[in-house]
Amino acid sequence: MRFGEQLKLLREQNGLLQREIAAELKIDTPMYSKIEGGSRKAKRQQVLQLVKFFGLKEEALMSVWLADQIIDLLKEEKHGQSSLLIAGKDLYPHNKVWQ
């Protein structure tokens, strides 16, 4: 699930309007709508604000946000998959997933 989809789900589960979350982030509603719709990226600080706002563990939302960053960076790259495998091995050498 992409970050914007996760935000929409959280918002709907909590019975909130986009303008309420936008106000929490101190941005206008159209900008929040773009984040939720996936046409604009949230900033790291905004993600951390949302973690606190929704009372989540940081990993729950940050992992989805980071995955989106990686997808956006590699989706058009011819060698994206192989570079991801190399990076995974370097970042987590003791994890059997990368071997």
Protein backbone atom coordinates (compact mmCIF):
# COMPACT_ATOMS: atom_id res chain seq x y z
CA MET A 1 0.00 0.00 0.00
CA ARG A 2 1.37 3.39 -0.98
CA PHE A 3 1.72 6.23 1.53
CA GLY A 4 -1.23 8.28 0.26
CA GLU A 5 -3.51 5.23 0.37
CA GLN A 6 -2.40 4.54 3.94
CA LEU A 7 -3.18 8.15 4.91
CA LYS A 8 -6.63 7.98 3.38
CA LEU A 9 -7.36 4.73 5.19
CA LEU A 10 -6.20 6.17 8.52
CA ARG A 11 -8.24 9.32 7.97
CA GLU A 12 -11.40 7.41 7.09
CA GLN A 13 -10.98 4.95 9.96
CA ASN A 14 -10.79 7.91 12.33
CA GLY A 15 -13.75 9.73 10.77
CA LEU A 16 -11.69 12.78 9.88
CA LEU A 17 -11.89 15.25 7.03
CA GLN A 18 -8.92 16.18 4.90
CA ARG A 19 -9.10 19.74 6.19
CA GLU A 20 -8.68 18.52 9.78
CA ILE A 21 -5.45 16.72 8.97
CA ALA A 22 -4.26 19.61 6.82
CA ALA A 23 -4.79 21.94 9.78
CA GLU A 24 -2.74 19.62 12.00
CA LEU A 25 0.09 19.72 9.45
CA LYS A 26 -0.33 23.50 9.00
CA ILE A 27 -0.83 23.16 5.25
CA ASP A 28 -3.83 23.94 3.08
CA THR A 29 -6.41 21.29 2.23
CA PRO A 30 -5.54 21.09 -1.50
CA MET A 31 -1.91 20.36 -0.64
CA TYR A 32 -2.94 17.63 1.80
CA SER A 33 -5.29 16.23 -0.84
CA LYS A 34 -2.34 15.96 -3.23
CA ILE A 35 -0.30 14.10 -0.62
CA GLU A 36 -3.15 11.69 -0.02
CA GLY A 37 -3.70 11.32 -3.75
CA GLY A 38 -0.03 10.61 -4.37
CA SER A 39 0.77 13.57 -6.62
CA ARG A 40 2.80 15.34 -3.93
CA LYS A 41 5.25 13.89 -1.42
CA ALA A 42 4.96 14.42 2.29
CA LYS A 43 8.06 15.68 4.07
CA ARG A 44 9.71 13.57 6.75
CA GLN A 45 8.63 16.02 9.46
CA GLN A 46 5.03 15.78 8.27
CA VAL A 47 5.18 11.99 8.50
CA LEU A 48 6.43 12.27 12.08
CA GLN A 49 3.59 14.69 12.87
CA LEU A 50 1.10 12.21 11.45
CA VAL A 51 2.59 9.39 13.54
CA LYS A 52 1.91 11.43 16.69
CA PHE A 53 -1.48 12.62 15.49
CA PHE A 54 -2.75 9.11 14.81
CA GLY A 55 -0.94 7.59 17.81
CA LEU A 56 1.03 5.12 15.71
CA LYS A 57 4.41 3.50 16.13
CA GLU A 58 6.88 5.43 14.00
CA GLU A 59 7.80 2.37 11.94
CA ALA A 60 4.18 1.83 10.87
CA LEU A 61 3.98 5.00 8.78
CA MET A 62 7.64 5.78 8.18
CA SER A 63 8.22 2.39 6.51
CA VAL A 64 5.44 3.04 3.99
CA TRP A 65 6.75 6.58 3.34
CA LEU A 66 10.31 5.32 2.82
CA ALA A 67 9.09 2.55 0.51
CA ASP A 68 7.38 5.21 -1.61
CA GLN A 69 10.65 7.16 -1.80
CA ILE A 70 12.45 4.06 -3.03
CA ILE A 71 9.74 3.16 -5.54
CA ASP A 72 9.71 6.68 -6.97
CA LEU A 73 13.49 6.66 -7.29
CA LEU A 74 13.80 3.25 -8.93
CA LYS A 75 10.59 2.72 -10.92
CA GLU A 76 11.96 4.10 -14.18
CA GLU A 77 15.46 2.71 -13.75
CA LYS A 78 16.45 -0.17 -15.99
CA HIS A 79 18.65 -1.63 -13.26
CA GLY A 80 16.48 -0.68 -10.31
CA GLN A 81 15.90 -4.21 -9.05
CA SER A 82 19.55 -5.22 -9.11
CA SER A 83 20.59 -1.96 -7.43
CA LEU A 84 18.00 -2.56 -4.71
CA LEU A 85 19.45 -6.01 -4.06
CA ILE A 86 22.97 -4.61 -3.82
CA ALA A 87 21.84 -1.86 -1.46
CA GLY A 88 19.97 -4.35 0.69
CA LYS A 89 23.05 -6.53 1.02
CA ASP A 90 25.16 -3.53 2.00
CA LEU A 91 22.62 -2.11 4.45
CA TYR A 92 21.68 -5.43 6.07
CA PRO A 93 24.54 -7.90 5.50
CA HIS A 94 23.36 -10.35 8.17
CA ASN A 95 19.78 -10.57 6.92
CA LYS A 96 19.14 -13.83 5.03
CA VAL A 97 16.56 -12.10 2.80
CA TRP A 98 19.38 -10.51 0.79
CA GLN A 99 21.47 -13.64 0.35
